[in-house]
Amino acid sequence: MLNWKNYTGREVIVMAGGISYSGTLVEMSENAVVLRSSAGFREIPMERVTSLELEDGGDGKGGFASPSPLGFS
């Protein structure tokens, strides 16, 4: 499993409120996840995020990371 801090600048998939968002992870804070996609920038409130993973699985182990630096989902 990768540390969530190592996801910055990589293609990710974020699940939030039953919707899947994909793009390049720009920033992740305790308030929101910011993605850059072909449609522009998207800010997803952290309280709605249920999962964050590498788009390609990256490490061959599913590439899953908890969306919270504290480990809460």
C-alpha atoms as a PDB file:
ATOM      1  CA  MET A   1       0.000   0.000   0.000  1.00  0.00           C
ATOM      2  CA  LEU A   2       1.263   3.441  -0.879  1.00  0.00           C
ATOM      3  CA  ASN A   3       1.181   6.359   1.501  1.00  0.00           C
ATOM      4  CA  TRP A   4      -1.575   8.764   0.388  1.00  0.00           C
ATOM      5  CA  LYS A   5       0.976  11.608   0.227  1.00  0.00           C
ATOM      6  CA  ASN A   6       2.743   9.776  -2.621  1.00  0.00           C
ATOM      7  CA  TYR A   7      -0.367  10.032  -4.822  1.00  0.00           C
ATOM      8  CA  THR A   8       0.127  13.736  -5.647  1.00  0.00           C
ATOM      9  CA  GLY A   9       0.731  14.173  -9.389  1.00  0.00           C
ATOM     10  CA  ARG A  10      -0.538  10.685 -10.201  1.00  0.00           C
ATOM     11  CA  GLU A  11      -3.712   9.549 -11.954  1.00  0.00           C
ATOM     12  CA  VAL A  12      -6.258   8.466  -9.340  1.00  0.00           C
ATOM     13  CA  ILE A  13      -9.870   7.377  -8.985  1.00  0.00           C
ATOM     14  CA  VAL A  14     -11.844   8.909  -6.122  1.00  0.00           C
ATOM     15  CA  MET A  15     -15.188   7.475  -4.983  1.00  0.00           C
ATOM     16  CA  ALA A  16     -17.429  10.036  -3.296  1.00  0.00           C
ATOM     17  CA  GLY A  17     -21.180   9.954  -2.722  1.00  0.00           C
ATOM     18  CA  GLY A  18     -21.530   6.936  -5.027  1.00  0.00           C
ATOM     19  CA  ILE A  19     -19.815   8.761  -7.920  1.00  0.00           C
ATOM     20  CA  SER A  20     -16.415   7.886  -9.387  1.00  0.00           C
ATOM     21  CA  TYR A  21     -14.095  10.806 -10.237  1.00  0.00           C
ATOM     22  CA  SER A  22     -10.814  10.358 -12.094  1.00  0.00           C
ATOM     23  CA  GLY A  23      -7.963  12.728 -12.742  1.00  0.00           C
ATOM     24  CA  THR A  24      -4.539  13.836 -11.562  1.00  0.00           C
ATOM     25  CA  LEU A  25      -4.349  14.389  -7.821  1.00  0.00           C
ATOM     26  CA  VAL A  26      -3.321  18.012  -7.261  1.00  0.00           C
ATOM     27  CA  GLU A  27      -3.863  18.353  -3.527  1.00  0.00           C
ATOM     28  CA  MET A  28      -5.296  16.454  -0.596  1.00  0.00           C
ATOM     29  CA  SER A  29      -6.095  18.191   2.684  1.00  0.00           C
ATOM     30  CA  GLU A  30      -8.303  17.497   5.666  1.00  0.00           C
ATOM     31  CA  ASN A  31     -11.035  19.492   3.889  1.00  0.00           C
ATOM     32  CA  ALA A  32     -10.964  18.342   0.269  1.00  0.00           C
ATOM     33  CA  VAL A  33      -9.379  16.345  -2.539  1.00  0.00           C
ATOM     34  CA  VAL A  34      -8.499  18.409  -5.631  1.00  0.00           C
ATOM     35  CA  LEU A  35      -8.267  16.680  -9.007  1.00  0.00           C
ATOM     36  CA  ARG A  36      -7.254  18.026 -12.428  1.00  0.00           C
ATOM     37  CA  SER A  37      -9.137  16.425 -15.299  1.00  0.00           C
ATOM     38  CA  SER A  38      -9.865  17.185 -18.934  1.00  0.00           C
ATOM     39  CA  ALA A  39     -12.908  19.204 -17.773  1.00  0.00           C
ATOM     40  CA  GLY A  40     -10.796  21.357 -15.424  1.00  0.00           C
ATOM     41  CA  PHE A  41     -10.255  21.255 -11.684  1.00  0.00           C
ATOM     42  CA  ARG A  42     -12.622  19.477  -9.329  1.00  0.00           C
ATOM     43  CA  GLU A  43     -12.690  19.877  -5.545  1.00  0.00           C
ATOM     44  CA  ILE A  44     -14.334  17.008  -3.677  1.00  0.00           C
ATOM     45  CA  PRO A  45     -15.220  17.549   0.006  1.00  0.00           C
ATOM     46  CA  MET A  46     -13.316  15.074   2.188  1.00  0.00           C
ATOM     47  CA  GLU A  47     -16.431  14.081   4.166  1.00  0.00           C
ATOM     48  CA  ARG A  48     -17.902  12.608   0.946  1.00  0.00           C
ATOM     49  CA  VAL A  49     -14.777  10.642  -0.092  1.00  0.00           C
ATOM     50  CA  THR A  50     -15.048   6.900   0.536  1.00  0.00           C
ATOM     51  CA  SER A  51     -11.962   5.687  -1.352  1.00  0.00           C
ATOM     52  CA  LEU A  52      -8.975   6.865  -3.344  1.00  0.00           C
ATOM     53  CA  GLU A  53      -6.854   4.565  -5.500  1.00  0.00           C
ATOM     54  CA  LEU A  54      -4.357   4.741  -8.323  1.00  0.00           C
ATOM     55  CA  GLU A  55      -6.047   4.578 -11.710  1.00  0.00           C
ATOM     56  CA  ASP A  56      -3.660   1.887 -12.987  1.00  0.00           C
ATOM     57  CA  GLY A  57      -3.233   0.079  -9.677  1.00  0.00           C
ATOM     58  CA  GLY A  58       0.375   1.354  -9.779  1.00  0.00           C
ATOM     59  CA  ASP A  59       1.991  -0.943  -7.237  1.00  0.00           C
ATOM     60  CA  GLY A  60       0.218  -4.107  -8.407  1.00  0.00           C
ATOM     61  CA  LYS A  61      -1.524  -4.350  -5.039  1.00  0.00           C
ATOM     62  CA  GLY A  62      -4.662  -2.406  -5.883  1.00  0.00           C
ATOM     63  CA  GLY A  63      -3.175   0.975  -5.046  1.00  0.00           C
ATOM     64  CA  PHE A  64      -5.726   1.718  -2.302  1.00  0.00           C
ATOM     65  CA  ALA A  65      -5.219   4.487   0.233  1.00  0.00           C
ATOM     66  CA  SER A  66      -7.479   5.731   2.972  1.00  0.00           C
ATOM     67  CA  PRO A  67      -8.728   9.208   2.026  1.00  0.00           C
ATOM     68  CA  SER A  68      -7.997  10.528   5.495  1.00  0.00           C
ATOM     69  CA  PRO A  69      -4.486  11.072   6.875  1.00  0.00           C
ATOM     70  CA  LEU A  70      -5.901   9.741  10.148  1.00  0.00           C
ATOM     71  CA  GLY A  71      -7.079   6.519   8.534  1.00  0.00           C
ATOM     72  CA  PHE A  72     -10.811   7.259   8.748  1.00  0.00           C
ATOM     73  CA  SER A  73     -13.027   6.668   5.751  1.00  0.00           C
END
